[in-house]
PDB file of N, CA and C in Angstrom:
ATOM      1  N   MET A   1      -8.572  -5.543  10.033  1.00  0.00           N
ATOM      2  CA  MET A   1      -7.156  -5.563   9.642  1.00  0.00           C
ATOM      3  C   MET A   1      -7.023  -5.980   8.182  1.00  0.00           C
ATOM      4  N   GLU A   2      -8.087  -6.398   7.588  1.00  0.00           N
ATOM      5  CA  GLU A   2      -8.090  -6.930   6.227  1.00  0.00           C
ATOM      6  C   GLU A   2      -7.434  -5.996   5.217  1.00  0.00           C
ATOM      7  N   ASP A   3      -7.635  -4.688   5.346  1.00  0.00           N
ATOM      8  CA  ASP A   3      -7.126  -3.742   4.361  1.00  0.00           C
ATOM      9  C   ASP A   3      -5.743  -3.197   4.707  1.00  0.00           C
ATOM     10  N   SER A   4      -5.132  -3.672   5.771  1.00  0.00           N
ATOM     11  CA  SER A   4      -3.834  -3.137   6.175  1.00  0.00           C
ATOM     12  C   SER A   4      -2.710  -3.815   5.409  1.00  0.00           C
ATOM     13  N   PHE A   5      -1.548  -3.204   5.502  1.00  0.00           N
ATOM     14  CA  PHE A   5      -0.364  -3.808   4.896  1.00  0.00           C
ATOM     15  C   PHE A   5       0.740  -3.816   5.924  1.00  0.00           C
ATOM     16  N   CYS A   6       1.110  -5.008   6.327  1.00  0.00           N
ATOM     17  CA  CYS A   6       2.167  -5.169   7.335  1.00  0.00           C
ATOM     18  C   CYS A   6       3.429  -5.719   6.705  1.00  0.00           C
ATOM     19  N   GLY A   7       3.540  -5.681   5.400  1.00  0.00           N
ATOM     20  CA  GLY A   7       4.687  -6.231   4.712  1.00  0.00           C
ATOM     21  C   GLY A   7       4.411  -7.655   4.255  1.00  0.00           C
ATOM     22  N   VAL A   8       5.278  -8.162   3.441  1.00  0.00           N
ATOM     23  CA  VAL A   8       5.113  -9.495   2.861  1.00  0.00           C
ATOM     24  C   VAL A   8       4.940 -10.553   3.940  1.00  0.00           C
ATOM     25  N   TRP A   9       5.843 -10.546   4.927  1.00  0.00           N
ATOM     26  CA  TRP A   9       5.834 -11.596   5.948  1.00  0.00           C
ATOM     27  C   TRP A   9       4.675 -11.430   6.920  1.00  0.00           C
ATOM     28  N   GLY A  10       4.402 -10.202   7.318  1.00  0.00           N
ATOM     29  CA  GLY A  10       3.275  -9.951   8.214  1.00  0.00           C
ATOM     30  C   GLY A  10       1.949 -10.316   7.567  1.00  0.00           C
ATOM     31  N   ASN A  11       1.800  -9.967   6.304  1.00  0.00           N
ATOM     32  CA  ASN A  11       0.566 -10.291   5.607  1.00  0.00           C
ATOM     33  C   ASN A  11       0.413 -11.797   5.394  1.00  0.00           C
ATOM     34  N   MET A  12       1.537 -12.471   5.141  1.00  0.00           N
ATOM     35  CA  MET A  12       1.501 -13.920   4.976  1.00  0.00           C
ATOM     36  C   MET A  12       1.046 -14.573   6.285  1.00  0.00           C
ATOM     37  N   ARG A  13       1.583 -14.076   7.410  1.00  0.00           N
ATOM     38  CA  ARG A  13       1.207 -14.622   8.711  1.00  0.00           C
ATOM     39  C   ARG A  13      -0.252 -14.317   9.025  1.00  0.00           C
ATOM     40  N   GLU A  14      -0.704 -13.112   8.689  1.00  0.00           N
ATOM     41  CA  GLU A  14      -2.105 -12.749   8.929  1.00  0.00           C
ATOM     42  C   GLU A  14      -3.035 -13.685   8.175  1.00  0.00           C
ATOM     43  N   LYS A  15      -2.727 -13.948   6.930  1.00  0.00           N
ATOM     44  CA  LYS A  15      -3.553 -14.843   6.123  1.00  0.00           C
ATOM     45  C   LYS A  15      -3.583 -16.241   6.740  1.00  0.00           C
ATOM     46  N   TYR A  16      -2.411 -16.694   7.167  1.00  0.00           N
ATOM     47  CA  TYR A  16      -2.338 -18.009   7.798  1.00  0.00           C
ATOM     48  C   TYR A  16      -3.216 -18.058   9.050  1.00  0.00           C
ATOM     49  N   LEU A  17      -3.101 -17.059   9.915  1.00  0.00           N
ATOM     50  CA  LEU A  17      -3.895 -17.042  11.139  1.00  0.00           C
ATOM     51  C   LEU A  17      -5.392 -16.983  10.837  1.00  0.00           C
ATOM     52  N   ARG A  18      -5.780 -16.152   9.889  1.00  0.00           N
ATOM     53  CA  ARG A  18      -7.199 -16.042   9.526  1.00  0.00           C
ATOM     54  C   ARG A  18      -7.760 -17.385   9.076  1.00  0.00           C
ATOM     55  N   GLU A  19      -6.959 -18.101   8.266  1.00  0.00           N
ATOM     56  CA  GLU A  19      -7.443 -19.351   7.688  1.00  0.00           C
ATOM     57  C   GLU A  19      -7.274 -20.550   8.617  1.00  0.00           C
ATOM     58  N   LYS A  20      -6.167 -20.632   9.328  1.00  0.00           N
ATOM     59  CA  LYS A  20      -5.833 -21.840  10.094  1.00  0.00           C
ATOM     60  C   LYS A  20      -6.062 -21.721  11.595  1.00  0.00           C
ATOM     61  N   ASN A  21      -6.091 -20.515  12.103  1.00  0.00           N
ATOM     62  CA  ASN A  21      -6.295 -20.328  13.535  1.00  0.00           C
ATOM     63  C   ASN A  21      -7.181 -19.103  13.770  1.00  0.00           C
ATOM     64  N   PRO A  22      -8.424 -19.170  13.275  1.00  0.00           N
ATOM     65  CA  PRO A  22      -9.301 -17.992  13.344  1.00  0.00           C
ATOM     66  C   PRO A  22      -9.622 -17.535  14.775  1.00  0.00           C
ATOM     67  N   LYS A  23      -9.608 -18.455  15.738  1.00  0.00           N
ATOM     68  CA  LYS A  23      -9.880 -18.049  17.128  1.00  0.00           C
ATOM     69  C   LYS A  23      -8.772 -17.137  17.643  1.00  0.00           C
ATOM     70  N   LEU A  24      -7.531 -17.522  17.413  1.00  0.00           N
ATOM     71  CA  LEU A  24      -6.403 -16.682  17.828  1.00  0.00           C
ATOM     72  C   LEU A  24      -6.424 -15.357  17.076  1.00  0.00           C
ATOM     73  N   TYR A  25      -6.675 -15.417  15.781  1.00  0.00           N
ATOM     74  CA  TYR A  25      -6.752 -14.205  14.958  1.00  0.00           C
ATOM     75  C   TYR A  25      -7.793 -13.241  15.525  1.00  0.00           C
ATOM     76  N   THR A  26      -8.987 -13.749  15.787  1.00  0.00           N
ATOM     77  CA  THR A  26     -10.081 -12.918  16.298  1.00  0.00           C
ATOM     78  C   THR A  26      -9.753 -12.367  17.678  1.00  0.00           C
ATOM     79  N   ALA A  27      -9.175 -13.192  18.533  1.00  0.00           N
ATOM     80  CA  ALA A  27      -8.822 -12.739  19.883  1.00  0.00           C
ATOM     81  C   ALA A  27      -7.806 -11.600  19.828  1.00  0.00           C
ATOM     82  N   MET A  28      -6.768 -11.745  19.004  1.00  0.00           N
ATOM     83  CA  MET A  28      -5.760 -10.674  18.897  1.00  0.00           C
ATOM     84  C   MET A  28      -6.368  -9.420  18.290  1.00  0.00           C
ATOM     85  N   LEU A  29      -7.239  -9.592  17.324  1.00  0.00           N
ATOM     86  CA  LEU A  29      -7.900  -8.457  16.681  1.00  0.00           C
ATOM     87  C   LEU A  29      -8.777  -7.709  17.694  1.00  0.00           C
ATOM     88  N   GLU A  30      -9.557  -8.457  18.463  1.00  0.00           N
ATOM     89  CA  GLU A  30     -10.451  -7.843  19.446  1.00  0.00           C
ATOM     90  C   GLU A  30      -9.683  -7.134  20.568  1.00  0.00           C
ATOM     91  N   LYS A  31      -8.519  -7.668  20.936  1.00  0.00           N
ATOM     92  CA  LYS A  31      -7.709  -7.057  21.995  1.00  0.00           C
ATOM     93  C   LYS A  31      -6.813  -5.933  21.479  1.00  0.00           C
ATOM     94  N   GLY A  32      -6.852  -5.706  20.166  1.00  0.00           N
ATOM     95  CA  GLY A  32      -6.027  -4.649  19.581  1.00  0.00           C
ATOM     96  C   GLY A  32      -4.555  -5.009  19.502  1.00  0.00           C
ATOM     97  N   LYS A  33      -4.246  -6.290  19.511  1.00  0.00           N
ATOM     98  CA  LYS A  33      -2.857  -6.763  19.508  1.00  0.00           C
ATOM     99  C   LYS A  33      -2.388  -7.255  18.140  1.00  0.00           C
ATOM    100  N   LEU A  34      -3.283  -7.406  17.201  1.00  0.00           N
ATOM    101  CA  LEU A  34      -2.938  -8.012  15.916  1.00  0.00           C
ATOM    102  C   LEU A  34      -1.937  -7.178  15.123  1.00  0.00           C
ATOM    103  N   GLU A  35      -2.183  -5.898  14.999  1.00  0.00           N
ATOM    104  CA  GLU A  35      -1.287  -5.045  14.204  1.00  0.00           C
ATOM    105  C   GLU A  35       0.127  -5.027  14.792  1.00  0.00           C
ATOM    106  N   GLU A  36       0.218  -4.912  16.096  1.00  0.00           N
ATOM    107  CA  GLU A  36       1.523  -4.924  16.764  1.00  0.00           C
ATOM    108  C   GLU A  36       2.237  -6.256  16.517  1.00  0.00           C
ATOM    109  N   TYR A  37       1.501  -7.347  16.644  1.00  0.00           N
ATOM    110  CA  TYR A  37       2.055  -8.688  16.418  1.00  0.00           C
ATOM    111  C   TYR A  37       2.566  -8.822  14.987  1.00  0.00           C
ATOM    112  N   LEU A  38       1.764  -8.411  14.025  1.00  0.00           N
ATOM    113  CA  LEU A  38       2.146  -8.560  12.619  1.00  0.00           C
ATOM    114  C   LEU A  38       3.318  -7.648  12.248  1.00  0.00           C
ATOM    115  N   THR A  39       3.355  -6.456  12.812  1.00  0.00           N
ATOM    116  CA  THR A  39       4.471  -5.545  12.564  1.00  0.00           C
ATOM    117  C   THR A  39       5.768  -6.134  13.108  1.00  0.00           C
ATOM    118  N   SER A  40       5.702  -6.690  14.299  1.00  0.00           N
ATOM    119  CA  SER A  40       6.868  -7.342  14.896  1.00  0.00           C
ATOM    120  C   SER A  40       7.286  -8.555  14.077  1.00  0.00           C
ATOM    121  N   TYR A  41       6.309  -9.309  13.636  1.00  0.00           N
ATOM    122  CA  TYR A  41       6.564 -10.485  12.803  1.00  0.00           C
ATOM    123  C   TYR A  41       7.260 -10.080  11.511  1.00  0.00           C
ATOM    124  N   GLN A  42       6.774  -9.004  10.895  1.00  0.00           N
ATOM    125  CA  GLN A  42       7.357  -8.500   9.656  1.00  0.00           C
ATOM    126  C   GLN A  42       8.817  -8.113   9.860  1.00  0.00           C
ATOM    127  N   LYS A  43       9.087  -7.403  10.931  1.00  0.00           N
ATOM    128  CA  LYS A  43      10.456  -6.962  11.210  1.00  0.00           C
ATOM    129  C   LYS A  43      11.376  -8.161  11.413  1.00  0.00           C
ATOM    130  N   SER A  44      10.943  -9.093  12.218  1.00  0.00           N
ATOM    131  CA  SER A  44      11.732 -10.286  12.514  1.00  0.00           C
ATOM    132  C   SER A  44      12.016 -11.103  11.256  1.00  0.00           C
ATOM    133  N   TYR A  45      10.996 -11.321  10.453  1.00  0.00           N
ATOM    134  CA  TYR A  45      11.182 -12.136   9.259  1.00  0.00           C
ATOM    135  C   TYR A  45      11.924 -11.395   8.150  1.00  0.00           C
ATOM    136  N   SER A  46      11.842 -10.099   8.114  1.00  0.00           N
ATOM    137  CA  SER A  46      12.651  -9.340   7.151  1.00  0.00           C
ATOM    138  C   SER A  46      14.136  -9.515   7.465  1.00  0.00           C
ATOM    139  N   GLN A  47      14.465  -9.457   8.743  1.00  0.00           N
ATOM    140  CA  GLN A  47      15.852  -9.667   9.151  1.00  0.00           C
ATOM    141  C   GLN A  47      16.296 -11.096   8.850  1.00  0.00           C
ATOM    142  N   ARG A  48      15.422 -12.035   9.123  1.00  0.00           N
ATOM    143  CA  ARG A  48      15.734 -13.447   8.849  1.00  0.00           C
ATOM    144  C   ARG A  48      15.931 -13.673   7.356  1.00  0.00           C
ATOM    145  N   ALA A  49      15.068 -13.085   6.538  1.00  0.00           N
ATOM    146  CA  ALA A  49      15.170 -13.225   5.083  1.00  0.00           C
ATOM    147  C   ALA A  49      16.502 -12.678   4.583  1.00  0.00           C
ATOM    148  N   GLU A  50      16.904 -11.539   5.115  1.00  0.00           N
ATOM    149  CA  GLU A  50      18.169 -10.926   4.710  1.00  0.00           C
ATOM    150  C   GLU A  50      19.355 -11.835   5.040  1.00  0.00           C
ATOM    151  N   LYS A  51      19.337 -12.424   6.231  1.00  0.00           N
ATOM    152  CA  LYS A  51      20.423 -13.322   6.638  1.00  0.00           C
ATOM    153  C   LYS A  51      20.481 -14.561   5.749  1.00  0.00           C
ATOM    154  N   ILE A  52      19.340 -15.154   5.481  1.00  0.00           N
ATOM    155  CA  ILE A  52      19.295 -16.344   4.619  1.00  0.00           C
ATOM    156  C   ILE A  52      19.763 -15.987   3.216  1.00  0.00           C
ATOM    157  N   PHE A  53      19.316 -14.846   2.707  1.00  0.00           N
ATOM    158  CA  PHE A  53      19.701 -14.394   1.376  1.00  0.00           C
ATOM    159  C   PHE A  53      21.220 -14.241   1.272  1.00  0.00           C
ATOM    160  N   GLU A  54      21.805 -13.548   2.248  1.00  0.00           N
ATOM    161  CA  GLU A  54      23.258 -13.345   2.253  1.00  0.00           C
ATOM    162  C   GLU A  54      24.005 -14.673   2.331  1.00  0.00           C
ATOM    163  N   LYS A  55      23.523 -15.574   3.146  1.00  0.00           N
ATOM    164  CA  LYS A  55      24.149 -16.890   3.300  1.00  0.00           C
ATOM    165  C   LYS A  55      24.115 -17.668   1.975  1.00  0.00           C
ATOM    166  N   LEU A  56      22.982 -17.618   1.289  1.00  0.00           N
ATOM    167  CA  LEU A  56      22.862 -18.322   0.005  1.00  0.00           C
ATOM    168  C   LEU A  56      23.715 -17.672  -1.082  1.00  0.00           C
ATOM    169  N   LEU A  57      23.834 -16.347  -1.047  1.00  0.00           N
ATOM    170  CA  LEU A  57      24.721 -15.662  -1.999  1.00  0.00           C
ATOM    171  C   LEU A  57      26.147 -16.176  -1.849  1.00  0.00           C
ATOM    172  N   LEU A  58      26.615 -16.211  -0.604  1.00  0.00           N
ATOM    173  CA  LEU A  58      27.974 -16.687  -0.343  1.00  0.00           C
ATOM    174  C   LEU A  58      28.149 -18.143  -0.765  1.00  0.00           C
ATOM    175  N   LYS A  59      27.200 -18.961  -0.390  1.00  0.00           N
ATOM    176  CA  LYS A  59      27.262 -20.394  -0.692  1.00  0.00           C
ATOM    177  C   LYS A  59      27.360 -20.644  -2.197  1.00  0.00           C
ATOM    178  N   ARG A  60      26.678 -19.829  -2.977  1.00  0.00           N
ATOM    179  CA  ARG A  60      26.635 -20.038  -4.429  1.00  0.00           C
ATOM    180  C   ARG A  60      27.629 -19.175  -5.198  1.00  0.00           C
ATOM    181  N   GLY A  61      28.389 -18.382  -4.486  1.00  0.00           N
ATOM    182  CA  GLY A  61      29.410 -17.568  -5.140  1.00  0.00           C
ATOM    183  C   GLY A  61      28.850 -16.434  -5.978  1.00  0.00           C
ATOM    184  N   ILE A  62      27.685 -15.963  -5.608  1.00  0.00           N
ATOM    185  CA  ILE A  62      27.073 -14.833  -6.321  1.00  0.00           C
ATOM    186  C   ILE A  62      27.604 -13.567  -5.663  1.00  0.00           C
ATOM    187  N   ASN A  63      28.470 -12.854  -6.391  1.00  0.00           N
ATOM    188  CA  ASN A  63      29.147 -11.700  -5.798  1.00  0.00           C
ATOM    189  C   ASN A  63      29.354 -10.594  -6.822  1.00  0.00           C
ATOM    190  N   LYS A  64      30.106  -9.594  -6.413  1.00  0.00           N
ATOM    191  CA  LYS A  64      30.360  -8.424  -7.256  1.00  0.00           C
ATOM    192  C   LYS A  64      31.102  -8.809  -8.545  1.00  0.00           C
ATOM    193  N   LYS A  65      31.991  -9.793  -8.453  1.00  0.00           N
ATOM    194  CA  LYS A  65      32.717 -10.238  -9.649  1.00  0.00           C
ATOM    195  C   LYS A  65      31.767 -10.751 -10.715  1.00  0.00           C
ATOM    196  N   LEU A  66      30.783 -11.551 -10.297  1.00  0.00           N
ATOM    197  CA  LEU A  66      29.795 -12.052 -11.260  1.00  0.00           C
ATOM    198  C   LEU A  66      29.009 -10.890 -11.847  1.00  0.00           C
ATOM    199  N   TYR A  67      28.633  -9.936 -11.000  1.00  0.00           N
ATOM    200  CA  TYR A  67      27.890  -8.775 -11.486  1.00  0.00           C
ATOM    201  C   TYR A  67      28.684  -8.026 -12.554  1.00  0.00           C
ATOM    202  N   GLU A  68      29.975  -7.834 -12.303  1.00  0.00           N
ATOM    203  CA  GLU A  68      30.821  -7.121 -13.261  1.00  0.00           C
ATOM    204  C   GLU A  68      31.019  -7.914 -14.547  1.00  0.00           C
ATOM    205  N   LYS A  69      31.079  -9.227 -14.427  1.00  0.00           N
ATOM    206  CA  LYS A  69      31.278 -10.105 -15.583  1.00  0.00           C
ATOM    207  C   LYS A  69      30.000 -10.264 -16.404  1.00  0.00           C
ATOM    208  N   ASP A  70      28.881 -10.488 -15.709  1.00  0.00           N
ATOM    209  CA  ASP A  70      27.617 -10.773 -16.389  1.00  0.00           C
ATOM    210  C   ASP A  70      26.458 -10.333 -15.491  1.00  0.00           C
ATOM    211  N   SER A  71      26.075  -9.071 -15.620  1.00  0.00           N
ATOM    212  CA  SER A  71      25.052  -8.518 -14.724  1.00  0.00           C
ATOM    213  C   SER A  71      23.702  -9.214 -14.887  1.00  0.00           C
ATOM    214  N   LEU A  72      23.380  -9.659 -16.088  1.00  0.00           N
ATOM    215  CA  LEU A  72      22.114 -10.363 -16.292  1.00  0.00           C
ATOM    216  C   LEU A  72      22.103 -11.685 -15.528  1.00  0.00           C
ATOM    217  N   GLU A  73      23.194 -12.408 -15.580  1.00  0.00           N
ATOM    218  CA  GLU A  73      23.302 -13.662 -14.830  1.00  0.00           C
ATOM    219  C   GLU A  73      23.186 -13.396 -13.332  1.00  0.00           C
ATOM    220  N   TRP A  74      23.823 -12.327 -12.865  1.00  0.00           N
ATOM    221  CA  TRP A  74      23.750 -11.960 -11.450  1.00  0.00           C
ATOM    222  C   TRP A  74      22.299 -11.693 -11.044  1.00  0.00           C
ATOM    223  N   ILE A  75      21.587 -10.950 -11.884  1.00  0.00           N
ATOM    224  CA  ILE A  75      20.178 -10.640 -11.603  1.00  0.00           C
ATOM    225  C   ILE A  75      19.352 -11.923 -11.548  1.00  0.00           C
ATOM    226  N   LEU A  76      19.535 -12.795 -12.514  1.00  0.00           N
ATOM    227  CA  LEU A  76      18.781 -14.050 -12.545  1.00  0.00           C
ATOM    228  C   LEU A  76      19.067 -14.906 -11.311  1.00  0.00           C
ATOM    229  N   GLU A  77      20.314 -15.000 -10.934  1.00  0.00           N
ATOM    230  CA  GLU A  77      20.692 -15.807  -9.774  1.00  0.00           C
ATOM    231  C   GLU A  77      20.160 -15.214  -8.472  1.00  0.00           C
ATOM    232  N   THR A  78      20.231 -13.893  -8.334  1.00  0.00           N
ATOM    233  CA  THR A  78      19.723 -13.283  -7.100  1.00  0.00           C
ATOM    234  C   THR A  78      18.199 -13.412  -7.021  1.00  0.00           C
ATOM    235  N   GLU A  79      17.517 -13.349  -8.146  1.00  0.00           N
ATOM    236  CA  GLU A  79      16.065 -13.541  -8.146  1.00  0.00           C
ATOM    237  C   GLU A  79      15.703 -14.975  -7.746  1.00  0.00           C
ATOM    238  N   LYS A  80      16.483 -15.943  -8.213  1.00  0.00           N
ATOM    239  CA  LYS A  80      16.253 -17.337  -7.813  1.00  0.00           C
ATOM    240  C   LYS A  80      16.415 -17.488  -6.304  1.00  0.00           C
ATOM    241  N   ILE A  81      17.442 -16.863  -5.774  1.00  0.00           N
ATOM    242  CA  ILE A  81      17.690 -16.942  -4.336  1.00  0.00           C
ATOM    243  C   ILE A  81      16.557 -16.270  -3.559  1.00  0.00           C
ATOM    244  N   GLN A  82      16.080 -15.132  -4.041  1.00  0.00           N
ATOM    245  CA  GLN A  82      14.972 -14.446  -3.373  1.00  0.00           C
ATOM    246  C   GLN A  82      13.729 -15.341  -3.329  1.00  0.00           C
ATOM    247  N   GLU A  83      13.459 -16.042  -4.399  1.00  0.00           N
ATOM    248  CA  GLU A  83      12.315 -16.960  -4.436  1.00  0.00           C
ATOM    249  C   GLU A  83      12.523 -18.125  -3.475  1.00  0.00           C
ATOM    250  N   GLU A  84      13.749 -18.616  -3.400  1.00  0.00           N
ATOM    251  CA  GLU A  84      14.054 -19.704  -2.477  1.00  0.00           C
ATOM    252  C   GLU A  84      13.867 -19.252  -1.026  1.00  0.00           C
ATOM    253  N   VAL A  85      14.336 -18.057  -0.714  1.00  0.00           N
ATOM    254  CA  VAL A  85      14.167 -17.506   0.628  1.00  0.00           C
ATOM    255  C   VAL A  85      12.678 -17.396   0.950  1.00  0.00           C
ATOM    256  N   LYS A  86      11.921 -16.910  -0.003  1.00  0.00           N
ATOM    257  CA  LYS A  86      10.474 -16.756   0.198  1.00  0.00           C
ATOM    258  C   LYS A  86       9.818 -18.110   0.496  1.00  0.00           C
ATOM    259  N   GLU A  87      10.208 -19.140  -0.211  1.00  0.00           N
ATOM    260  CA  GLU A  87       9.641 -20.472   0.015  1.00  0.00           C
ATOM    261  C   GLU A  87      10.053 -21.028   1.376  1.00  0.00           C
ATOM    262  N   ILE A  88      11.313 -20.836   1.748  1.00  0.00           N
ATOM    263  CA  ILE A  88      11.808 -21.306   3.044  1.00  0.00           C
ATOM    264  C   ILE A  88      10.990 -20.660   4.175  1.00  0.00           C
ATOM    265  N   LEU A  89      10.837 -19.351   4.101  1.00  0.00           N
ATOM    266  CA  LEU A  89      10.152 -18.638   5.158  1.00  0.00           C
ATOM    267  C   LEU A  89       8.647 -18.871   5.118  1.00  0.00           C
ATOM    268  N   LYS A  90       8.101 -19.053   3.954  1.00  0.00           N
ATOM    269  CA  LYS A  90       6.674 -19.350   3.824  1.00  0.00           C
ATOM    270  C   LYS A  90       6.326 -20.617   4.586  1.00  0.00           C
ATOM    271  N   GLU A  91       7.171 -21.624   4.455  1.00  0.00           N
ATOM    272  CA  GLU A  91       6.951 -22.878   5.185  1.00  0.00           C
ATOM    273  C   GLU A  91       7.000 -22.646   6.690  1.00  0.00           C
ATOM    274  N   GLU A  92       7.945 -21.837   7.147  1.00  0.00           N
ATOM    275  CA  GLU A  92       8.061 -21.537   8.580  1.00  0.00           C
ATOM    276  C   GLU A  92       6.835 -20.784   9.090  1.00  0.00           C
ATOM    277  N   ILE A  93       6.397 -19.800   8.339  1.00  0.00           N
ATOM    278  CA  ILE A  93       5.291 -18.945   8.745  1.00  0.00           C
ATOM    279  C   ILE A  93       3.991 -19.746   8.861  1.00  0.00           C
ATOM    280  N   GLN A  94       3.869 -20.756   8.034  1.00  0.00           N
ATOM    281  CA  GLN A  94       2.630 -21.524   8.012  1.00  0.00           C
ATOM    282  C   GLN A  94       2.652 -22.719   8.949  1.00  0.00           C
ATOM    283  N   LYS A  95       3.472 -22.638   9.994  1.00  0.00           N
ATOM    284  CA  LYS A  95       3.503 -23.691  11.010  1.00  0.00           C
ATOM    285  C   LYS A  95       2.777 -23.253  12.240  1.00  0.00           C
TER     286      LYS A  95
END
């Protein structure tokens, strides 16, 4: 499974399992369940990331008005939020 791509979240989880729980990783790989698990994980966490992102946008008032007023500021703020979402979910994935 090393050369596969299951998305950001699936790959993050795969790396975690390989390093922190190699017995589970090997068992799922041998049973042919790893790819299905990681694909499902990717889908679930993509949806979760989107929800967290939208919630943080609202909380911080990052909206269409800001984009129209100052698109560069909007881009910078949304990138900060994307990084924050990534850190939040990274911590969850590595549990």
